[in-house]
Every structure is written in structure tokens, then in C-alpha cells.
């Protein structure tokens, strides 16, 4: 039976990759977009209109959906954190959640489950004695911690509508499409492996293929319910990630360059907190739910991604 998945934030890194995987698996995908005139529907990928600011959505698209994947939200590291942009980061997430909740509440629909993105920014930074963060830990008091908290709270009324809600707190997504890895690669084109700050800060990461598989599992397995950390089993230091990537891309033809914390703070302002922060996150609950990772270790993940780049 052909089932339909409605995606918010479908043109982003995760949404683009997930759409392709869903189509390969025989799903029909509807992507909500603000400007439908620029989008051309293809076989099994359709576009429908929504406008979060005006709280308008195509009701027919909602009625066709069997599942909703909620990925919408303004980018966190792309722009300077002015007060206005911070407001946009929060409201792009909470107001889009509100629009989905209200629409599902007020219109007949057959939506079985909503799978919503969140981020490991929820947790804040590691304590001196590192104990990996788990899903039961409280939200951090920082801007990102509170943003993630509000994001999750805004979609949680879905449960009162009798629908299954899964929230995936996602780590640093490694993909060739865009995102962190494409930024890490840029200096390596000039033979420089840039290590941020001390380089000791732990990065809880996930390969894009594993993340897409996790969304599919959340759609297809009705026993998956609640909050799960979407991170690989073995976090790595920023230094290890960069040196591993440098070797995969350049062999031994690279120079490690340390970018001091103060330079990052000057360049990025408040956003530098995120790239210098150590966050060690557990995926025990995710694995206990039956999810198996294709890429446990950073070496295998980077090997795959560098190989895939070289083939194109």
C-alpha cells in the first residue's frame, strides 16, 4: 500500500536526503514550501503551500498524509546571532509546530505519527567528569538548550490528538550535500586541517544514511515512541575528526592548524560556543529500540563520504 509522508523543511540537508530514500522505498512525498511556483512536482514528490508566519497550510496535503516528518527551522550556525535572528531561530520552529498541531486538531486526517527533529543542543556541555547525556536529562539553560526545549514542547500537543510522536535529538550530521562536513573540507583543499580551539571537545555525530534510516524506522515501527538521541555510538574529538578527514582526503599532504578560541569568538560571536562545546551523547536507548547503525566509527563514516565525493 502506497503511503504518503508530508515533510516540513524538505529542502534542507536532512529533508533532501530523506525524500530520496522514501521514494526509493515506495512512499509518496509531499514537501511543504512557501513558494510553490518555484517547485516542479516529479513522480512521487509533490509540493504543497504553507506559510508559517501567516499560519496558512494546504489542508488537502494534510488530508493525504499518513505520516508527518517535521524538520522546519531556520539554520542555527549560518547567520550571526542578532536578537532578531535568535527570535527567528525559535519562532521558525515553534510557530511551524503550532500550525501543524492546530491543523491536525481542526481537520479530519489519517496521520498516524509525527516524527519531529530536535538537536543535541538541548543538553549543553559536558561536565568535567564526562557522563554521556541521555534522553531523560534536563534541557540546558543556554540559548540552544532553551530553543530545543521550546521546539519539543511546541510539537508535544500532538500526543493529545491520539497520535504517536517521535522526537529525534540529532547530533552533527555528516553529509556531502552540505552542513558541517562541507565546511570541514574547505580548508583541506589548501592542505590545512583546521582544529578548532583545543580540539579536545567531543563531537556527537551521525552519518546522513543512518539518520535517514532512523527516520524510516520511526515511521515504520509503531513501538518507537518518545525522544531518542540520533547520534552514532562513538563520539570523537574535533581533532580526531579533522585529522581522520585530512588523511582520507589528502593522505599525508596536510598541515594541522589550530584555530584559537579567541579567533573563533571574534569571527562567530555567540555561535562560537557551539563549535567549541564538548557534548558527549548516548545512543543506548536508540540501540535498545532495535536500531542498528551502519556507521559506528568515524573512520568508516568518513571513508564512505570521501569515496562517494570522489566518484562524482
C-alpha atoms as a PDB file:
ATOM      1  CA  UNK A   1       0.000   0.000   0.000  1.00  0.00           C
ATOM      2  CA  UNK A   2       1.423   3.337  -1.062  1.00  0.00           C
ATOM      3  CA  UNK A   3       1.730   5.646   1.920  1.00  0.00           C
ATOM      4  CA  UNK A   4       2.313   9.395   1.936  1.00  0.00           C
ATOM      5  CA  UNK A   5       4.847  11.270   4.068  1.00  0.00           C
ATOM      6  CA  UNK A   6       4.435  15.036   4.436  1.00  0.00           C
ATOM      7  CA  UNK A   7       7.735  16.813   5.137  1.00  0.00           C
ATOM      8  CA  UNK A   8       8.322  20.298   6.547  1.00  0.00           C
ATOM      9  CA  UNK A   9      11.817  21.659   5.904  1.00  0.00           C
ATOM     10  CA  UNK A  10      12.046  19.294   2.962  1.00  0.00           C
ATOM     11  CA  UNK A  11      14.615  21.330   1.025  1.00  0.00           C
ATOM     12  CA  UNK A  12      17.163  21.245   3.874  1.00  0.00           C
ATOM     13  CA  UNK A  13      20.049  18.816   4.287  1.00  0.00           C
ATOM     14  CA  UNK A  14      18.071  16.067   6.042  1.00  0.00           C
ATOM     15  CA  UNK A  15      14.830  16.646   4.121  1.00  0.00           C
ATOM     16  CA  UNK A  16      16.527  16.331   0.724  1.00  0.00           C
ATOM     17  CA  UNK A  17      18.307  13.091   1.627  1.00  0.00           C
ATOM     18  CA  UNK A  18      15.264  11.613   3.371  1.00  0.00           C
ATOM     19  CA  UNK A  19      12.942  12.396   0.436  1.00  0.00           C
ATOM     20  CA  UNK A  20      15.146  10.339  -1.909  1.00  0.00           C
ATOM     21  CA  UNK A  21      15.239   7.386   0.490  1.00  0.00           C
ATOM     22  CA  UNK A  22      11.449   7.478   1.000  1.00  0.00           C
ATOM     23  CA  UNK A  23      10.826   7.469  -2.754  1.00  0.00           C
ATOM     24  CA  UNK A  24      13.194   4.526  -3.228  1.00  0.00           C
ATOM     25  CA  UNK A  25      11.168   2.680  -0.596  1.00  0.00           C
ATOM     26  CA  UNK A  26       7.906   3.331  -2.476  1.00  0.00           C
ATOM     27  CA  UNK A  27       6.474   6.203  -0.417  1.00  0.00           C
ATOM     28  CA  UNK A  28       4.876   9.297  -1.902  1.00  0.00           C
ATOM     29  CA  UNK A  29       6.410  12.511  -0.527  1.00  0.00           C
ATOM     30  CA  UNK A  30       4.724  15.893  -0.168  1.00  0.00           C
ATOM     31  CA  UNK A  31       7.053  18.772   0.692  1.00  0.00           C
ATOM     32  CA  UNK A  32       5.580  21.909   2.239  1.00  0.00           C
ATOM     33  CA  UNK A  33       7.054  25.076   0.754  1.00  0.00           C
ATOM     34  CA  UNK A  34       6.358  28.779   0.948  1.00  0.00           C
ATOM     35  CA  UNK A  35       6.758  29.412  -2.791  1.00  0.00           C
ATOM     36  CA  UNK A  36       5.154  26.641  -4.789  1.00  0.00           C
ATOM     37  CA  UNK A  37       5.683  28.458  -8.119  1.00  0.00           C
ATOM     38  CA  UNK A  38       9.428  27.670  -7.994  1.00  0.00           C
ATOM     39  CA  UNK A  39       8.878  23.943  -7.439  1.00  0.00           C
ATOM     40  CA  UNK A  40       8.088  21.330 -10.042  1.00  0.00           C
ATOM     41  CA  UNK A  41       6.410  18.120  -8.912  1.00  0.00           C
ATOM     42  CA  UNK A  42       8.099  14.918 -10.032  1.00  0.00           C
ATOM     43  CA  UNK A  43       6.928  11.324  -9.851  1.00  0.00           C
ATOM     44  CA  UNK A  44       6.197  10.601  -6.184  1.00  0.00           C
ATOM     45  CA  UNK A  45       7.441  14.050  -4.998  1.00  0.00           C
ATOM     46  CA  UNK A  46       4.812  16.760  -4.777  1.00  0.00           C
ATOM     47  CA  UNK A  47       4.827  20.259  -3.309  1.00  0.00           C
ATOM     48  CA  UNK A  48       2.149  21.975  -1.252  1.00  0.00           C
ATOM     49  CA  UNK A  49       1.902  25.507   0.081  1.00  0.00           C
ATOM     50  CA  UNK A  50       2.317  26.680   3.633  1.00  0.00           C
ATOM     51  CA  UNK A  51       3.193  29.999   5.216  1.00  0.00           C
ATOM     52  CA  UNK A  52       4.227  29.739   8.862  1.00  0.00           C
ATOM     53  CA  UNK A  53       4.139  33.496   9.523  1.00  0.00           C
ATOM     54  CA  UNK A  54       0.556  33.738   8.251  1.00  0.00           C
ATOM     55  CA  UNK A  55      -0.325  30.323   9.802  1.00  0.00           C
ATOM     56  CA  UNK A  56      -1.673  29.060   6.448  1.00  0.00           C
ATOM     57  CA  UNK A  57      -1.329  25.481   5.169  1.00  0.00           C
ATOM     58  CA  UNK A  58      -2.713  23.395   2.295  1.00  0.00           C
ATOM     59  CA  UNK A  59      -5.376  21.314   4.081  1.00  0.00           C
ATOM     60  CA  UNK A  60      -5.547  18.786   1.210  1.00  0.00           C
ATOM     61  CA  UNK A  61      -1.865  17.947   1.737  1.00  0.00           C
ATOM     62  CA  UNK A  62      -2.564  17.258   5.420  1.00  0.00           C
ATOM     63  CA  UNK A  63      -5.531  15.045   4.498  1.00  0.00           C
ATOM     64  CA  UNK A  64      -3.361  12.952   2.148  1.00  0.00           C
ATOM     65  CA  UNK A  65      -0.612  12.361   4.730  1.00  0.00           C
ATOM     66  CA  UNK A  66      -0.154   9.098   6.611  1.00  0.00           C
ATOM     67  CA  UNK A  67       2.919  10.457   8.427  1.00  0.00           C
ATOM     68  CA  UNK A  68       4.454  13.892   9.020  1.00  0.00           C
ATOM     69  CA  UNK A  69       8.192  14.497   9.302  1.00  0.00           C
ATOM     70  CA  UNK A  70       8.754  17.901  10.902  1.00  0.00           C
ATOM     71  CA  UNK A  71      12.199  19.320  10.057  1.00  0.00           C
ATOM     72  CA  UNK A  72      11.410  23.029   9.585  1.00  0.00           C
ATOM     73  CA  UNK A  73      13.608  25.608  11.304  1.00  0.00           C
ATOM     74  CA  UNK A  74      15.958  28.461  10.436  1.00  0.00           C
ATOM     75  CA  UNK A  75      19.635  27.457  10.302  1.00  0.00           C
ATOM     76  CA  UNK A  76      21.479  27.793  13.596  1.00  0.00           C
ATOM     77  CA  UNK A  77      25.068  28.470  12.504  1.00  0.00           C
ATOM     78  CA  UNK A  78      24.530  30.128   9.122  1.00  0.00           C
ATOM     79  CA  UNK A  79      23.945  33.689  10.345  1.00  0.00           C
ATOM     80  CA  UNK A  80      25.088  35.940  13.173  1.00  0.00           C
ATOM     81  CA  UNK A  81      23.006  35.569  16.337  1.00  0.00           C
ATOM     82  CA  UNK A  82      21.433  39.002  16.469  1.00  0.00           C
ATOM     83  CA  UNK A  83      18.368  39.347  18.703  1.00  0.00           C
ATOM     84  CA  UNK A  84      16.184  39.342  15.581  1.00  0.00           C
ATOM     85  CA  UNK A  85      17.788  36.177  14.192  1.00  0.00           C
ATOM     86  CA  UNK A  86      17.595  34.401  17.545  1.00  0.00           C
ATOM     87  CA  UNK A  87      13.868  35.154  17.527  1.00  0.00           C
ATOM     88  CA  UNK A  88      13.642  33.703  14.006  1.00  0.00           C
ATOM     89  CA  UNK A  89      15.516  30.542  15.061  1.00  0.00           C
ATOM     90  CA  UNK A  90      12.980  29.931  17.850  1.00  0.00           C
ATOM     91  CA  UNK A  91       9.789  31.011  16.060  1.00  0.00           C
ATOM     92  CA  UNK A  92      10.544  29.168  12.814  1.00  0.00           C
ATOM     93  CA  UNK A  93      10.389  26.003  14.931  1.00  0.00           C
ATOM     94  CA  UNK A  94       7.635  26.753  17.451  1.00  0.00           C
ATOM     95  CA  UNK A  95       5.245  28.534  15.076  1.00  0.00           C
ATOM     96  CA  UNK A  96       5.563  25.791  12.454  1.00  0.00           C
ATOM     97  CA  UNK A  97       4.798  23.195  15.150  1.00  0.00           C
ATOM     98  CA  UNK A  98       1.772  25.210  16.252  1.00  0.00           C
ATOM     99  CA  UNK A  99       0.476  25.351  12.674  1.00  0.00           C
ATOM    100  CA  UNK A 100       0.739  21.555  12.337  1.00  0.00           C
ATOM    101  CA  UNK A 101      -0.910  20.901  15.706  1.00  0.00           C
ATOM    102  CA  UNK A 102      -3.824  23.281  15.076  1.00  0.00           C
ATOM    103  CA  UNK A 103      -4.382  21.964  11.547  1.00  0.00           C
ATOM    104  CA  UNK A 104      -4.449  18.337  12.685  1.00  0.00           C
ATOM    105  CA  UNK A 105      -6.742  19.258  15.575  1.00  0.00           C
ATOM    106  CA  UNK A 106      -9.253  21.089  13.414  1.00  0.00           C
ATOM    107  CA  UNK A 107      -9.359  18.921  10.271  1.00  0.00           C
ATOM    108  CA  UNK A 108     -10.164  15.258   9.632  1.00  0.00           C
ATOM    109  CA  UNK A 109      -6.949  13.388   8.788  1.00  0.00           C
ATOM    110  CA  UNK A 110      -5.361   9.932   8.797  1.00  0.00           C
ATOM    111  CA  UNK A 111      -1.939  10.903  10.199  1.00  0.00           C
ATOM    112  CA  UNK A 112      -0.647   8.023  12.332  1.00  0.00           C
ATOM    113  CA  UNK A 113       2.562   9.573  13.624  1.00  0.00           C
ATOM    114  CA  UNK A 114       4.615  12.757  13.630  1.00  0.00           C
ATOM    115  CA  UNK A 115       8.409  12.427  13.603  1.00  0.00           C
ATOM    116  CA  UNK A 116       9.954  15.710  14.716  1.00  0.00           C
ATOM    117  CA  UNK A 117      13.535  16.861  14.632  1.00  0.00           C
ATOM    118  CA  UNK A 118      15.293  18.347  17.635  1.00  0.00           C
ATOM    119  CA  UNK A 119      19.006  18.681  18.384  1.00  0.00           C
ATOM    120  CA  UNK A 120      21.593  17.660  20.946  1.00  0.00           C
ATOM    121  CA  UNK A 121      21.976  21.388  21.632  1.00  0.00           C
ATOM    122  CA  UNK A 122      19.238  20.501  24.156  1.00  0.00           C
ATOM    123  CA  UNK A 123      21.932  19.187  26.523  1.00  0.00           C
ATOM    124  CA  UNK A 124      24.575  21.859  26.890  1.00  0.00           C
ATOM    125  CA  UNK A 125      28.206  20.965  27.526  1.00  0.00           C
ATOM    126  CA  UNK A 126      29.924  18.023  29.185  1.00  0.00           C
ATOM    127  CA  UNK A 127      30.723  18.144  32.892  1.00  0.00           C
ATOM    128  CA  UNK A 128      34.395  17.742  33.952  1.00  0.00           C
ATOM    129  CA  UNK A 129      33.808  14.037  34.577  1.00  0.00           C
ATOM    130  CA  UNK A 130      32.081  13.100  31.343  1.00  0.00           C
ATOM    131  CA  UNK A 131      28.854  11.146  31.727  1.00  0.00           C
ATOM    132  CA  UNK A 132      27.106  10.820  28.342  1.00  0.00           C
ATOM    133  CA  UNK A 133      23.825  12.714  28.141  1.00  0.00           C
ATOM    134  CA  UNK A 134      20.669  10.604  27.920  1.00  0.00           C
ATOM    135  CA  UNK A 135      17.114  11.382  26.857  1.00  0.00           C
ATOM    136  CA  UNK A 136      15.991  11.869  30.475  1.00  0.00           C
ATOM    137  CA  UNK A 137      18.421  14.745  31.150  1.00  0.00           C
ATOM    138  CA  UNK A 138      17.026  18.263  31.515  1.00  0.00           C
ATOM    139  CA  UNK A 139      17.369  20.994  28.911  1.00  0.00           C
ATOM    140  CA  UNK A 140      20.383  23.278  29.305  1.00  0.00           C
ATOM    141  CA  UNK A 141      19.810  26.927  30.270  1.00  0.00           C
ATOM    142  CA  UNK A 142      21.730  28.188  27.204  1.00  0.00           C
ATOM    143  CA  UNK A 143      20.051  29.744  24.160  1.00  0.00           C
ATOM    144  CA  UNK A 144      20.204  26.496  22.174  1.00  0.00           C
ATOM    145  CA  UNK A 145      19.140  24.364  25.130  1.00  0.00           C
ATOM    146  CA  UNK A 146      16.050  26.507  25.632  1.00  0.00           C
ATOM    147  CA  UNK A 147      15.377  26.675  21.870  1.00  0.00           C
ATOM    148  CA  UNK A 148      15.351  22.868  21.678  1.00  0.00           C
ATOM    149  CA  UNK A 149      13.157  22.686  24.781  1.00  0.00           C
ATOM    150  CA  UNK A 150      10.586  25.089  23.276  1.00  0.00           C
ATOM    151  CA  UNK A 151      10.782  23.256  19.940  1.00  0.00           C
ATOM    152  CA  UNK A 152       9.939  19.921  21.584  1.00  0.00           C
ATOM    153  CA  UNK A 153       7.226  21.442  23.786  1.00  0.00           C
ATOM    154  CA  UNK A 154       5.586  23.097  20.770  1.00  0.00           C
ATOM    155  CA  UNK A 155       5.064  19.786  18.942  1.00  0.00           C
ATOM    156  CA  UNK A 156       4.146  17.715  22.043  1.00  0.00           C
ATOM    157  CA  UNK A 157       0.365  18.521  21.940  1.00  0.00           C
ATOM    158  CA  UNK A 158       0.299  16.044  19.012  1.00  0.00           C
ATOM    159  CA  UNK A 159       0.128  13.325  21.694  1.00  0.00           C
ATOM    160  CA  UNK A 160      -3.211  14.730  22.962  1.00  0.00           C
ATOM    161  CA  UNK A 161      -4.607  14.173  19.456  1.00  0.00           C
ATOM    162  CA  UNK A 162      -4.008  10.437  19.888  1.00  0.00           C
ATOM    163  CA  UNK A 163      -1.039  10.345  17.529  1.00  0.00           C
ATOM    164  CA  UNK A 164       2.358   8.777  18.062  1.00  0.00           C
ATOM    165  CA  UNK A 165       5.116  11.368  18.458  1.00  0.00           C
ATOM    166  CA  UNK A 166       8.808  10.613  17.967  1.00  0.00           C
ATOM    167  CA  UNK A 167      11.438  13.299  18.596  1.00  0.00           C
ATOM    168  CA  UNK A 168      14.964  12.728  17.257  1.00  0.00           C
ATOM    169  CA  UNK A 169      17.618  14.814  19.026  1.00  0.00           C
ATOM    170  CA  UNK A 170      20.142  14.969  16.246  1.00  0.00           C
ATOM    171  CA  UNK A 171      23.910  15.318  16.515  1.00  0.00           C
ATOM    172  CA  UNK A 172      26.293  16.816  13.918  1.00  0.00           C
ATOM    173  CA  UNK A 173      25.108  15.358  10.602  1.00  0.00           C
ATOM    174  CA  UNK A 174      27.911  14.251   8.275  1.00  0.00           C
ATOM    175  CA  UNK A 175      26.888  14.513   4.617  1.00  0.00           C
ATOM    176  CA  UNK A 176      28.430  15.517   1.288  1.00  0.00           C
ATOM    177  CA  UNK A 177      25.350  17.555   0.436  1.00  0.00           C
ATOM    178  CA  UNK A 178      26.053  20.450   2.808  1.00  0.00           C
ATOM    179  CA  UNK A 179      26.351  21.098   6.540  1.00  0.00           C
ATOM    180  CA  UNK A 180      29.316  20.608   8.885  1.00  0.00           C
ATOM    181  CA  UNK A 181      31.346  18.206   6.728  1.00  0.00           C
ATOM    182  CA  UNK A 182      31.365  20.500   3.688  1.00  0.00           C
ATOM    183  CA  UNK A 183      32.715  23.273   5.956  1.00  0.00           C
ATOM    184  CA  UNK A 184      35.363  20.949   7.435  1.00  0.00           C
ATOM    185  CA  UNK A 185      36.516  20.029   3.912  1.00  0.00           C
ATOM    186  CA  UNK A 186      37.065  23.581   2.625  1.00  0.00           C
ATOM    187  CA  UNK A 187      40.471  24.294   4.264  1.00  0.00           C
ATOM    188  CA  UNK A 188      41.673  20.796   3.258  1.00  0.00           C
ATOM    189  CA  UNK A 189      41.518  21.861  -0.378  1.00  0.00           C
ATOM    190  CA  UNK A 190      44.504  24.043   0.561  1.00  0.00           C
ATOM    191  CA  UNK A 191      46.174  21.309   2.629  1.00  0.00           C
ATOM    192  CA  UNK A 192      45.101  22.678   6.018  1.00  0.00           C
ATOM    193  CA  UNK A 193      43.388  20.569   8.691  1.00  0.00           C
ATOM    194  CA  UNK A 194      41.794  23.212  10.902  1.00  0.00           C
ATOM    195  CA  UNK A 195      41.420  22.109  14.506  1.00  0.00           C
ATOM    196  CA  UNK A 196      39.051  24.329  16.472  1.00  0.00           C
ATOM    197  CA  UNK A 197      40.179  25.618  19.864  1.00  0.00           C
ATOM    198  CA  UNK A 198      41.945  22.878  21.839  1.00  0.00           C
ATOM    199  CA  UNK A 199      40.460  20.225  19.543  1.00  0.00           C
ATOM    200  CA  UNK A 200      39.599  18.138  22.603  1.00  0.00           C
ATOM    201  CA  UNK A 201      35.883  18.954  22.529  1.00  0.00           C
ATOM    202  CA  UNK A 202      33.764  15.874  21.855  1.00  0.00           C
ATOM    203  CA  UNK A 203      31.521  15.821  18.782  1.00  0.00           C
ATOM    204  CA  UNK A 204      28.479  13.555  18.823  1.00  0.00           C
ATOM    205  CA  UNK A 205      27.948  12.900  15.110  1.00  0.00           C
ATOM    206  CA  UNK A 206      25.802  10.784  12.779  1.00  0.00           C
ATOM    207  CA  UNK A 207      26.174   9.737   9.125  1.00  0.00           C
ATOM    208  CA  UNK A 208      23.331  11.040   6.944  1.00  0.00           C
ATOM    209  CA  UNK A 209      22.447   7.475   5.824  1.00  0.00           C
ATOM    210  CA  UNK A 210      21.997   6.355   9.437  1.00  0.00           C
ATOM    211  CA  UNK A 211      19.898   9.425  10.209  1.00  0.00           C
ATOM    212  CA  UNK A 212      17.604   8.724   7.236  1.00  0.00           C
ATOM    213  CA  UNK A 213      17.318   5.093   8.361  1.00  0.00           C
ATOM    214  CA  UNK A 214      16.343   6.318  11.816  1.00  0.00           C
ATOM    215  CA  UNK A 215      13.509   8.436  10.371  1.00  0.00           C
ATOM    216  CA  UNK A 216      12.312   5.437   8.339  1.00  0.00           C
ATOM    217  CA  UNK A 217      12.411   3.235  11.464  1.00  0.00           C
ATOM    218  CA  UNK A 218      10.434   5.870  13.389  1.00  0.00           C
ATOM    219  CA  UNK A 219       7.810   5.897  10.628  1.00  0.00           C
ATOM    220  CA  UNK A 220       7.554   2.131  10.204  1.00  0.00           C
ATOM    221  CA  UNK A 221       7.956   0.816  13.753  1.00  0.00           C
ATOM    222  CA  UNK A 222       4.950   1.757  15.888  1.00  0.00           C
ATOM    223  CA  UNK A 223       6.848   0.716  19.053  1.00  0.00           C
ATOM    224  CA  UNK A 224       9.218   3.647  18.593  1.00  0.00           C
ATOM    225  CA  UNK A 225       7.698   6.437  20.644  1.00  0.00           C
ATOM    226  CA  UNK A 226       9.054   9.461  22.508  1.00  0.00           C
ATOM    227  CA  UNK A 227      12.525  11.007  22.467  1.00  0.00           C
ATOM    228  CA  UNK A 228      15.641   9.348  21.002  1.00  0.00           C
ATOM    229  CA  UNK A 229      19.182  10.593  20.511  1.00  0.00           C
ATOM    230  CA  UNK A 230      20.164  10.445  16.840  1.00  0.00           C
ATOM    231  CA  UNK A 231      23.938  10.076  17.297  1.00  0.00           C
ATOM    232  CA  UNK A 232      26.449   7.336  16.432  1.00  0.00           C
ATOM    233  CA  UNK A 233      27.764   5.114  19.267  1.00  0.00           C
ATOM    234  CA  UNK A 234      31.298   6.588  19.351  1.00  0.00           C
ATOM    235  CA  UNK A 235      31.639  10.394  19.657  1.00  0.00           C
ATOM    236  CA  UNK A 236      35.064  11.762  18.676  1.00  0.00           C
ATOM    237  CA  UNK A 237      37.161  14.803  19.472  1.00  0.00           C
ATOM    238  CA  UNK A 238      37.239  17.646  16.960  1.00  0.00           C
ATOM    239  CA  UNK A 239      40.969  16.949  16.489  1.00  0.00           C
ATOM    240  CA  UNK A 240      40.443  13.253  15.716  1.00  0.00           C
ATOM    241  CA  UNK A 241      37.645  14.025  13.267  1.00  0.00           C
ATOM    242  CA  UNK A 242      39.726  16.633  11.404  1.00  0.00           C
ATOM    243  CA  UNK A 243      42.910  14.518  11.247  1.00  0.00           C
ATOM    244  CA  UNK A 244      40.932  11.471  10.122  1.00  0.00           C
ATOM    245  CA  UNK A 245      39.184  13.512   7.407  1.00  0.00           C
ATOM    246  CA  UNK A 246      42.524  15.035   6.320  1.00  0.00           C
ATOM    247  CA  UNK A 247      44.112  11.580   5.914  1.00  0.00           C
ATOM    248  CA  UNK A 248      41.135  10.244   3.949  1.00  0.00           C
ATOM    249  CA  UNK A 249      41.171  13.267   1.621  1.00  0.00           C
ATOM    250  CA  UNK A 250      44.852  14.196   1.348  1.00  0.00           C
ATOM    251  CA  UNK A 251      46.874  11.184   2.502  1.00  0.00           C
ATOM    252  CA  UNK A 252      49.710  12.780   4.462  1.00  0.00           C
ATOM    253  CA  UNK A 253      49.769  16.023   2.471  1.00  0.00           C
ATOM    254  CA  UNK A 254      48.292  18.355   5.064  1.00  0.00           C
ATOM    255  CA  UNK A 255      49.285  20.620   7.927  1.00  0.00           C
ATOM    256  CA  UNK A 256      47.261  20.668  11.178  1.00  0.00           C
ATOM    257  CA  UNK A 257      46.357  24.285  12.003  1.00  0.00           C
ATOM    258  CA  UNK A 258      44.900  25.177  15.397  1.00  0.00           C
ATOM    259  CA  UNK A 259      42.342  27.989  15.258  1.00  0.00           C
ATOM    260  CA  UNK A 260      42.451  29.672  18.701  1.00  0.00           C
ATOM    261  CA  UNK A 261      39.231  30.034  20.660  1.00  0.00           C
ATOM    262  CA  UNK A 262      39.531  33.832  20.780  1.00  0.00           C
ATOM    263  CA  UNK A 263      39.729  33.985  16.945  1.00  0.00           C
ATOM    264  CA  UNK A 264      36.580  31.874  16.646  1.00  0.00           C
ATOM    265  CA  UNK A 265      34.815  34.115  19.162  1.00  0.00           C
ATOM    266  CA  UNK A 266      35.770  37.201  17.139  1.00  0.00           C
ATOM    267  CA  UNK A 267      34.654  35.561  13.892  1.00  0.00           C
ATOM    268  CA  UNK A 268      31.469  33.859  15.049  1.00  0.00           C
ATOM    269  CA  UNK A 269      30.348  35.728  18.180  1.00  0.00           C
ATOM    270  CA  UNK A 270      27.960  33.684  20.331  1.00  0.00           C
ATOM    271  CA  UNK A 271      27.820  30.903  17.743  1.00  0.00           C
ATOM    272  CA  UNK A 272      31.428  30.005  18.646  1.00  0.00           C
ATOM    273  CA  UNK A 273      30.028  28.446  21.857  1.00  0.00           C
ATOM    274  CA  UNK A 274      28.585  25.668  19.707  1.00  0.00           C
ATOM    275  CA  UNK A 275      31.762  24.781  17.800  1.00  0.00           C
ATOM    276  CA  UNK A 276      33.921  24.884  20.950  1.00  0.00           C
ATOM    277  CA  UNK A 277      31.480  22.991  23.156  1.00  0.00           C
ATOM    278  CA  UNK A 278      32.064  19.359  24.106  1.00  0.00           C
ATOM    279  CA  UNK A 279      28.847  17.305  24.099  1.00  0.00           C
ATOM    280  CA  UNK A 280      29.002  13.536  24.636  1.00  0.00           C
ATOM    281  CA  UNK A 281      25.617  11.976  23.931  1.00  0.00           C
ATOM    282  CA  UNK A 282      24.475   8.383  24.469  1.00  0.00           C
ATOM    283  CA  UNK A 283      22.592   6.351  21.847  1.00  0.00           C
ATOM    284  CA  UNK A 284      21.893   3.402  24.178  1.00  0.00           C
ATOM    285  CA  UNK A 285      18.112   3.946  24.125  1.00  0.00           C
ATOM    286  CA  UNK A 286      18.174   4.166  20.325  1.00  0.00           C
ATOM    287  CA  UNK A 287      20.014   0.836  20.013  1.00  0.00           C
ATOM    288  CA  UNK A 288      17.761  -0.784  22.627  1.00  0.00           C
ATOM    289  CA  UNK A 289      14.802   0.169  20.407  1.00  0.00           C
ATOM    290  CA  UNK A 290      16.368  -2.118  17.767  1.00  0.00           C
ATOM    291  CA  UNK A 291      18.147   0.437  15.597  1.00  0.00           C
ATOM    292  CA  UNK A 292      21.414  -0.781  14.081  1.00  0.00           C
ATOM    293  CA  UNK A 293      23.960   1.711  12.830  1.00  0.00           C
ATOM    294  CA  UNK A 294      25.688   1.247   9.514  1.00  0.00           C
ATOM    295  CA  UNK A 295      28.454   3.635  10.639  1.00  0.00           C
ATOM    296  CA  UNK A 296      29.536   3.178  14.270  1.00  0.00           C
ATOM    297  CA  UNK A 297      33.028   4.631  13.927  1.00  0.00           C
ATOM    298  CA  UNK A 298      34.149   7.934  12.424  1.00  0.00           C
ATOM    299  CA  UNK A 299      36.759   6.238  10.206  1.00  0.00           C
ATOM    300  CA  UNK A 300      34.164   4.168   8.322  1.00  0.00           C
ATOM    301  CA  UNK A 301      31.768   7.117   8.040  1.00  0.00           C
ATOM    302  CA  UNK A 302      34.413   9.447   6.569  1.00  0.00           C
ATOM    303  CA  UNK A 303      35.794   6.698   4.321  1.00  0.00           C
ATOM    304  CA  UNK A 304      32.332   6.291   2.799  1.00  0.00           C
ATOM    305  CA  UNK A 305      31.703  10.022   2.394  1.00  0.00           C
ATOM    306  CA  UNK A 306      35.124  10.788   0.863  1.00  0.00           C
ATOM    307  CA  UNK A 307      34.776   7.819  -1.539  1.00  0.00           C
ATOM    308  CA  UNK A 308      31.301   8.977  -2.579  1.00  0.00           C
ATOM    309  CA  UNK A 309      32.642  12.503  -3.271  1.00  0.00           C
ATOM    310  CA  UNK A 310      35.468  11.121  -5.404  1.00  0.00           C
ATOM    311  CA  UNK A 311      33.029   9.119  -7.518  1.00  0.00           C
ATOM    312  CA  UNK A 312      31.111  12.261  -8.540  1.00  0.00           C
END
